[in-house]
Amino acid sequence: MTKEVVVTIEGLQLGENNDRIATKANGLYQFQNEKHYIRYDETIEGVEGAIKNIIKIAPDEVSIIKKGTANTTMTFQLGEVTSTNYHTPYGTLLLQIKTTQMRVEEDADQIDIQLEYTIASDESIISENRTSIKIQSK
């Protein structure tokens, strides 16, 4: 994998409308202590400032760390429920993430991550989600 990468994220929130999001950004890749780190900035239309993101891929978990307008660390571990505080300009939400499927495939020039998970707050499910993250050498 090269130091400069392209990060493509496609998310699908399952439900009546099947809401989709897609993000594509240039990023930086690093492998350290048996973990992959991908750093990239994300801009959201109508929101001032960029969100700095780090995707950390370890053998048994994937974490997405966001700092900026939104602050959180979302950790995905297959079959586990993890908790996070999601800080936004509108307030903070305590969320629980239950990962039901997680697949990480890597080769010399690409890492492909597939996640399926539910997000809940106060034990009430907010959404069921599928997220695909692709990191490719530039």
N, C-alpha and C. Protein backbone atom coordinates (compact mmCIF):
# COMPACT_ATOMS: atom_id res chain seq x y z
N MET A 1 0.85 -1.17 0.00
CA MET A 1 0.00 0.00 0.00
C MET A 1 0.90 1.23 0.00
N THR A 2 0.54 2.20 -0.80
CA THR A 2 1.31 3.44 -0.85
C THR A 2 0.89 4.36 0.30
N LYS A 3 1.71 5.36 0.58
CA LYS A 3 1.37 6.31 1.65
C LYS A 3 0.14 7.13 1.28
N GLU A 4 0.04 7.54 0.02
CA GLU A 4 -1.13 8.30 -0.42
C GLU A 4 -2.19 7.33 -0.93
N VAL A 5 -3.42 7.51 -0.41
CA VAL A 5 -4.51 6.60 -0.75
C VAL A 5 -5.78 7.38 -1.08
N VAL A 6 -6.73 6.68 -1.66
CA VAL A 6 -8.08 7.20 -1.88
C VAL A 6 -9.02 6.39 -1.00
N VAL A 7 -9.83 7.09 -0.20
CA VAL A 7 -10.78 6.47 0.70
C VAL A 7 -12.18 6.66 0.13
N THR A 8 -12.90 5.55 -0.08
CA THR A 8 -14.28 5.61 -0.56
C THR A 8 -15.16 4.92 0.47
N ILE A 9 -16.16 5.66 0.96
CA ILE A 9 -17.08 5.11 1.96
C ILE A 9 -18.49 5.21 1.41
N GLU A 10 -19.19 4.09 1.43
CA GLU A 10 -20.59 4.06 1.04
C GLU A 10 -21.39 3.47 2.19
N GLY A 11 -22.37 4.23 2.65
CA GLY A 11 -23.19 3.78 3.76
C GLY A 11 -24.64 3.68 3.36
N LEU A 12 -25.32 2.70 3.93
CA LEU A 12 -26.73 2.49 3.67
C LEU A 12 -27.43 2.30 5.01
N GLN A 13 -28.40 3.19 5.28
CA GLN A 13 -29.23 3.06 6.47
C GLN A 13 -30.51 2.36 6.04
N LEU A 14 -30.71 1.14 6.52
CA LEU A 14 -31.86 0.34 6.10
C LEU A 14 -33.14 0.85 6.73
N GLY A 15 -34.21 0.76 5.99
CA GLY A 15 -35.49 1.23 6.49
C GLY A 15 -36.40 1.60 5.33
N GLU A 16 -37.40 2.43 5.63
CA GLU A 16 -38.37 2.82 4.60
C GLU A 16 -37.70 3.47 3.40
N ASN A 17 -36.76 4.38 3.65
CA ASN A 17 -36.16 5.14 2.55
C ASN A 17 -34.81 4.61 2.09
N ASN A 18 -34.22 3.67 2.84
CA ASN A 18 -32.88 3.18 2.53
C ASN A 18 -31.94 4.33 2.20
N ASP A 19 -31.72 5.21 3.18
CA ASP A 19 -30.87 6.39 2.99
C ASP A 19 -29.44 5.98 2.70
N ARG A 20 -28.86 6.59 1.65
CA ARG A 20 -27.48 6.31 1.25
C ARG A 20 -26.60 7.53 1.47
N ILE A 21 -25.36 7.27 1.86
CA ILE A 21 -24.36 8.33 1.89
C ILE A 21 -23.14 7.81 1.15
N ALA A 22 -22.40 8.72 0.56
CA ALA A 22 -21.16 8.34 -0.13
C ALA A 22 -20.14 9.45 0.07
N THR A 23 -18.92 9.06 0.38
CA THR A 23 -17.82 9.99 0.59
C THR A 23 -16.59 9.44 -0.12
N LYS A 24 -15.87 10.34 -0.77
CA LYS A 24 -14.61 9.95 -1.40
C LYS A 24 -13.61 11.04 -1.07
N ALA A 25 -12.44 10.64 -0.56
CA ALA A 25 -11.44 11.63 -0.14
C ALA A 25 -10.04 11.06 -0.30
N ASN A 26 -9.08 11.95 -0.48
CA ASN A 26 -7.68 11.56 -0.46
C ASN A 26 -7.25 11.42 0.99
N GLY A 27 -6.37 10.44 1.25
CA GLY A 27 -5.93 10.22 2.61
C GLY A 27 -4.49 9.76 2.67
N LEU A 28 -4.03 9.52 3.89
CA LEU A 28 -2.68 9.03 4.14
C LEU A 28 -2.76 7.70 4.87
N TYR A 29 -1.94 6.74 4.44
CA TYR A 29 -1.93 5.39 5.00
C TYR A 29 -0.64 5.15 5.78
N GLN A 30 -0.78 4.44 6.89
CA GLN A 30 0.39 4.06 7.69
C GLN A 30 0.11 2.70 8.33
N PHE A 31 1.12 1.83 8.40
CA PHE A 31 1.02 0.55 9.09
C PHE A 31 1.98 0.58 10.26
N GLN A 32 1.44 0.42 11.47
CA GLN A 32 2.26 0.51 12.67
C GLN A 32 1.70 -0.41 13.74
N ASN A 33 2.57 -1.15 14.43
CA ASN A 33 2.17 -2.04 15.53
C ASN A 33 1.05 -3.00 15.12
N GLU A 34 1.18 -3.59 13.94
CA GLU A 34 0.21 -4.58 13.43
C GLU A 34 -1.17 -3.99 13.16
N LYS A 35 -1.26 -2.66 13.00
CA LYS A 35 -2.53 -2.00 12.71
C LYS A 35 -2.37 -1.09 11.50
N HIS A 36 -3.45 -0.98 10.73
CA HIS A 36 -3.50 -0.05 9.60
C HIS A 36 -4.15 1.24 10.10
N TYR A 37 -3.58 2.38 9.71
CA TYR A 37 -4.16 3.68 10.03
C TYR A 37 -4.37 4.45 8.74
N ILE A 38 -5.56 4.98 8.56
CA ILE A 38 -5.86 5.79 7.38
C ILE A 38 -6.42 7.12 7.89
N ARG A 39 -5.78 8.22 7.50
CA ARG A 39 -6.21 9.55 7.91
C ARG A 39 -6.75 10.31 6.70
N TYR A 40 -7.89 10.97 6.88
CA TYR A 40 -8.46 11.79 5.81
C TYR A 40 -9.39 12.84 6.40
N ASP A 41 -9.60 13.91 5.66
CA ASP A 41 -10.51 14.98 6.07
C ASP A 41 -11.82 14.84 5.32
N GLU A 42 -12.89 15.17 6.03
CA GLU A 42 -14.24 15.06 5.46
C GLU A 42 -14.92 16.42 5.61
N THR A 43 -15.51 16.89 4.54
CA THR A 43 -16.30 18.12 4.61
C THR A 43 -17.76 17.75 4.38
N ILE A 44 -18.63 18.41 5.13
CA ILE A 44 -20.07 18.15 5.02
C ILE A 44 -20.72 19.44 4.56
N GLU A 45 -21.53 19.33 3.52
CA GLU A 45 -22.20 20.50 2.96
C GLU A 45 -23.05 21.19 4.03
N GLY A 46 -22.87 22.51 4.14
CA GLY A 46 -23.64 23.28 5.10
C GLY A 46 -23.04 23.31 6.49
N VAL A 47 -21.92 22.59 6.70
CA VAL A 47 -21.28 22.56 8.01
C VAL A 47 -19.90 23.19 7.88
N GLU A 48 -19.60 24.14 8.77
CA GLU A 48 -18.33 24.85 8.71
C GLU A 48 -17.20 23.97 9.24
N GLY A 49 -16.07 23.99 8.55
CA GLY A 49 -14.89 23.26 8.99
C GLY A 49 -14.90 21.81 8.55
N ALA A 50 -13.72 21.22 8.55
CA ALA A 50 -13.58 19.82 8.15
C ALA A 50 -13.57 18.93 9.38
N ILE A 51 -13.98 17.69 9.18
CA ILE A 51 -13.91 16.68 10.23
C ILE A 51 -12.68 15.83 9.91
N LYS A 52 -11.77 15.72 10.86
CA LYS A 52 -10.59 14.89 10.68
C LYS A 52 -10.94 13.47 11.11
N ASN A 53 -10.68 12.52 10.22
CA ASN A 53 -11.03 11.12 10.47
C ASN A 53 -9.80 10.24 10.49
N ILE A 54 -9.85 9.23 11.33
CA ILE A 54 -8.84 8.17 11.34
C ILE A 54 -9.60 6.85 11.34
N ILE A 55 -9.26 5.99 10.39
CA ILE A 55 -9.78 4.62 10.39
C ILE A 55 -8.63 3.75 10.89
N LYS A 56 -8.89 3.00 11.97
CA LYS A 56 -7.88 2.11 12.53
C LYS A 56 -8.37 0.67 12.35
N ILE A 57 -7.55 -0.14 11.70
CA ILE A 57 -7.93 -1.52 11.42
C ILE A 57 -6.97 -2.44 12.17
N ALA A 58 -7.49 -3.14 13.15
CA ALA A 58 -6.73 -4.12 13.93
C ALA A 58 -7.23 -5.51 13.53
N PRO A 59 -6.54 -6.57 13.97
CA PRO A 59 -6.97 -7.91 13.55
C PRO A 59 -8.43 -8.25 13.87
N ASP A 60 -8.98 -7.74 14.99
CA ASP A 60 -10.34 -8.12 15.35
C ASP A 60 -11.30 -6.95 15.54
N GLU A 61 -10.89 -5.75 15.11
CA GLU A 61 -11.79 -4.62 15.23
C GLU A 61 -11.43 -3.53 14.24
N VAL A 62 -12.46 -2.72 13.94
CA VAL A 62 -12.30 -1.53 13.10
C VAL A 62 -12.83 -0.35 13.91
N SER A 63 -12.04 0.72 13.97
CA SER A 63 -12.48 1.94 14.67
C SER A 63 -12.47 3.10 13.70
N ILE A 64 -13.47 3.97 13.85
CA ILE A 64 -13.53 5.22 13.09
C ILE A 64 -13.54 6.34 14.12
N ILE A 65 -12.51 7.17 14.06
CA ILE A 65 -12.34 8.27 15.02
C ILE A 65 -12.58 9.57 14.27
N LYS A 66 -13.50 10.39 14.77
CA LYS A 66 -13.84 11.66 14.15
C LYS A 66 -13.54 12.79 15.12
N LYS A 67 -12.88 13.85 14.60
CA LYS A 67 -12.58 15.03 15.42
C LYS A 67 -12.86 16.27 14.59
N GLY A 68 -13.56 17.20 15.18
CA GLY A 68 -13.92 18.44 14.49
C GLY A 68 -15.33 18.82 14.86
N THR A 69 -16.15 19.11 13.86
CA THR A 69 -17.55 19.48 14.10
C THR A 69 -18.29 18.36 14.83
N ALA A 70 -17.96 17.12 14.49
CA ALA A 70 -18.47 15.94 15.20
C ALA A 70 -17.27 15.23 15.82
N ASN A 71 -17.43 14.74 17.05
CA ASN A 71 -16.36 14.03 17.75
C ASN A 71 -16.90 12.70 18.26
N THR A 72 -16.23 11.61 17.89
CA THR A 72 -16.63 10.30 18.38
C THR A 72 -15.56 9.28 18.04
N THR A 73 -15.61 8.15 18.69
CA THR A 73 -14.84 6.97 18.31
C THR A 73 -15.82 5.82 18.23
N MET A 74 -16.09 5.38 17.01
CA MET A 74 -17.01 4.26 16.78
C MET A 74 -16.17 3.01 16.60
N THR A 75 -16.39 2.00 17.47
CA THR A 75 -15.61 0.77 17.41
C THR A 75 -16.52 -0.38 17.02
N PHE A 76 -16.06 -1.14 16.03
CA PHE A 76 -16.82 -2.28 15.51
C PHE A 76 -16.06 -3.56 15.84
N GLN A 77 -16.70 -4.45 16.63
CA GLN A 77 -16.15 -5.75 16.98
C GLN A 77 -17.26 -6.77 16.75
N LEU A 78 -16.98 -7.76 15.93
CA LEU A 78 -18.00 -8.73 15.54
C LEU A 78 -18.64 -9.39 16.76
N GLY A 79 -19.97 -9.33 16.82
CA GLY A 79 -20.73 -9.96 17.88
C GLY A 79 -20.72 -9.20 19.20
N GLU A 80 -20.07 -8.05 19.25
CA GLU A 80 -19.97 -7.27 20.48
C GLU A 80 -20.82 -6.00 20.40
N VAL A 81 -21.16 -5.47 21.56
CA VAL A 81 -21.82 -4.17 21.65
C VAL A 81 -20.80 -3.20 22.26
N THR A 82 -20.52 -2.13 21.53
CA THR A 82 -19.60 -1.11 22.03
C THR A 82 -20.38 0.19 22.22
N SER A 83 -19.90 1.04 23.10
CA SER A 83 -20.58 2.31 23.38
C SER A 83 -19.69 3.47 22.97
N THR A 84 -20.34 4.57 22.57
CA THR A 84 -19.61 5.78 22.22
C THR A 84 -20.45 7.00 22.53
N ASN A 85 -19.79 8.08 22.88
CA ASN A 85 -20.44 9.38 22.97
C ASN A 85 -20.24 10.07 21.64
N TYR A 86 -21.32 10.46 20.99
CA TYR A 86 -21.26 11.14 19.70
C TYR A 86 -21.55 12.61 19.96
N HIS A 87 -20.50 13.43 19.90
CA HIS A 87 -20.63 14.86 20.19
C HIS A 87 -20.88 15.62 18.89
N THR A 88 -21.95 16.41 18.86
CA THR A 88 -22.28 17.25 17.70
C THR A 88 -22.51 18.67 18.20
N PRO A 89 -22.59 19.63 17.28
CA PRO A 89 -22.91 21.00 17.72
C PRO A 89 -24.27 21.10 18.40
N TYR A 90 -25.12 20.09 18.21
CA TYR A 90 -26.49 20.13 18.75
C TYR A 90 -26.62 19.38 20.07
N GLY A 91 -25.54 18.74 20.52
CA GLY A 91 -25.58 17.99 21.76
C GLY A 91 -24.83 16.68 21.64
N THR A 92 -24.86 15.91 22.73
CA THR A 92 -24.15 14.63 22.78
C THR A 92 -25.14 13.48 22.90
N LEU A 93 -24.89 12.43 22.13
CA LEU A 93 -25.71 11.22 22.20
C LEU A 93 -24.85 10.06 22.68
N LEU A 94 -25.36 9.26 23.60
CA LEU A 94 -24.70 8.03 23.99
C LEU A 94 -25.27 6.93 23.11
N LEU A 95 -24.42 6.31 22.31
CA LEU A 95 -24.86 5.31 21.35
C LEU A 95 -24.23 3.95 21.65
N GLN A 96 -24.97 2.89 21.33
CA GLN A 96 -24.46 1.54 21.39
C GLN A 96 -24.42 0.99 19.96
N ILE A 97 -23.29 0.36 19.61
CA ILE A 97 -23.11 -0.20 18.27
C ILE A 97 -22.95 -1.70 18.40
N LYS A 98 -23.85 -2.44 17.74
CA LYS A 98 -23.76 -3.90 17.73
C LYS A 98 -23.38 -4.33 16.32
N THR A 99 -22.19 -4.90 16.18
CA THR A 99 -21.69 -5.34 14.87
C THR A 99 -22.15 -6.76 14.62
N THR A 100 -22.92 -6.95 13.54
CA THR A 100 -23.44 -8.28 13.22
C THR A 100 -22.65 -8.96 12.12
N GLN A 101 -21.98 -8.17 11.26
CA GLN A 101 -21.08 -8.73 10.25
C GLN A 101 -19.91 -7.79 10.06
N MET A 102 -18.72 -8.38 9.93
CA MET A 102 -17.53 -7.59 9.69
C MET A 102 -16.58 -8.42 8.84
N ARG A 103 -16.17 -7.85 7.72
CA ARG A 103 -15.23 -8.53 6.83
C ARG A 103 -14.15 -7.53 6.41
N VAL A 104 -12.90 -7.91 6.58
CA VAL A 104 -11.78 -7.07 6.16
C VAL A 104 -10.92 -7.91 5.22
N GLU A 105 -10.79 -7.43 3.98
CA GLU A 105 -9.94 -8.11 3.00
C GLU A 105 -8.85 -7.14 2.59
N GLU A 106 -7.62 -7.64 2.54
CA GLU A 106 -6.53 -6.75 2.15
C GLU A 106 -5.60 -7.46 1.17
N ASP A 107 -5.07 -6.65 0.26
CA ASP A 107 -4.01 -7.11 -0.63
C ASP A 107 -2.99 -5.99 -0.73
N ALA A 108 -2.07 -6.09 -1.66
CA ALA A 108 -0.95 -5.15 -1.71
C ALA A 108 -1.38 -3.70 -1.94
N ASP A 109 -2.46 -3.47 -2.69
CA ASP A 109 -2.85 -2.11 -3.07
C ASP A 109 -4.23 -1.69 -2.59
N GLN A 110 -4.88 -2.51 -1.76
CA GLN A 110 -6.25 -2.19 -1.39
C GLN A 110 -6.66 -2.88 -0.10
N ILE A 111 -7.50 -2.20 0.68
CA ILE A 111 -8.17 -2.79 1.83
C ILE A 111 -9.66 -2.56 1.63
N ASP A 112 -10.44 -3.62 1.78
CA ASP A 112 -11.89 -3.55 1.61
C ASP A 112 -12.55 -3.99 2.91
N ILE A 113 -13.39 -3.13 3.48
CA ILE A 113 -14.07 -3.40 4.75
C ILE A 113 -15.57 -3.40 4.50
N GLN A 114 -16.25 -4.42 4.99
CA GLN A 114 -17.71 -4.49 4.93
C GLN A 114 -18.22 -4.63 6.36
N LEU A 115 -19.11 -3.72 6.76
CA LEU A 115 -19.67 -3.74 8.11
C LEU A 115 -21.19 -3.75 8.05
N GLU A 116 -21.81 -4.54 8.91
CA GLU A 116 -23.25 -4.48 9.14
C GLU A 116 -23.43 -4.35 10.65
N TYR A 117 -24.26 -3.37 11.05
CA TYR A 117 -24.38 -3.08 12.47
C TYR A 117 -25.68 -2.33 12.75
N THR A 118 -26.08 -2.37 14.02
CA THR A 118 -27.21 -1.57 14.48
C THR A 118 -26.67 -0.50 15.42
N ILE A 119 -27.36 0.64 15.41
CA ILE A 119 -27.06 1.71 16.34
C ILE A 119 -28.28 1.90 17.22
N ALA A 120 -28.05 1.92 18.53
CA ALA A 120 -29.13 2.08 19.49
C ALA A 120 -28.77 3.18 20.49
N SER A 121 -29.81 3.73 21.11
CA SER A 121 -29.64 4.70 22.19
C SER A 121 -30.69 4.36 23.24
N ASP A 122 -30.28 4.26 24.47
CA ASP A 122 -31.20 3.86 25.55
C ASP A 122 -31.92 2.56 25.22
N GLU A 123 -31.19 1.61 24.63
CA GLU A 123 -31.68 0.28 24.28
C GLU A 123 -32.77 0.29 23.21
N SER A 124 -33.00 1.42 22.56
CA SER A 124 -33.93 1.50 21.43
C SER A 124 -33.11 1.61 20.15
N ILE A 125 -33.38 0.73 19.19
CA ILE A 125 -32.64 0.75 17.94
C ILE A 125 -32.99 2.00 17.14
N ILE A 126 -31.96 2.74 16.76
CA ILE A 126 -32.13 3.94 15.94
C ILE A 126 -32.07 3.57 14.46
N SER A 127 -31.10 2.70 14.11
CA SER A 127 -30.94 2.35 12.69
C SER A 127 -30.19 1.04 12.53
N GLU A 128 -30.44 0.40 11.39
CA GLU A 128 -29.65 -0.74 10.94
C GLU A 128 -28.85 -0.25 9.75
N ASN A 129 -27.57 -0.60 9.70
CA ASN A 129 -26.67 0.01 8.73
C ASN A 129 -25.77 -1.00 8.05
N ARG A 130 -25.40 -0.67 6.82
CA ARG A 130 -24.37 -1.37 6.08
C ARG A 130 -23.38 -0.33 5.59
N THR A 131 -22.10 -0.55 5.84
CA THR A 131 -21.07 0.39 5.40
C THR A 131 -19.97 -0.36 4.69
N SER A 132 -19.57 0.20 3.55
CA SER A 132 -18.47 -0.34 2.78
C SER A 132 -17.36 0.72 2.74
N ILE A 133 -16.15 0.33 3.14
CA ILE A 133 -15.01 1.24 3.13
C ILE A 133 -13.93 0.62 2.26
N LYS A 134 -13.49 1.38 1.26
CA LYS A 134 -12.44 0.91 0.38
C LYS A 134 -11.28 1.89 0.44
N ILE A 135 -10.08 1.37 0.72
CA ILE A 135 -8.87 2.17 0.74
C ILE A 135 -7.99 1.64 -0.37
N GLN A 136 -7.64 2.52 -1.33
CA GLN A 136 -6.85 2.11 -2.49
C GLN A 136 -5.61 2.97 -2.62
N SER A 137 -4.52 2.33 -3.03
CA SER A 137 -3.31 3.09 -3.33
C SER A 137 -3.60 4.09 -4.41
N LYS A 138 -3.00 5.27 -4.29
CA LYS A 138 -3.23 6.33 -5.26
C LYS A 138 -2.33 6.15 -6.46
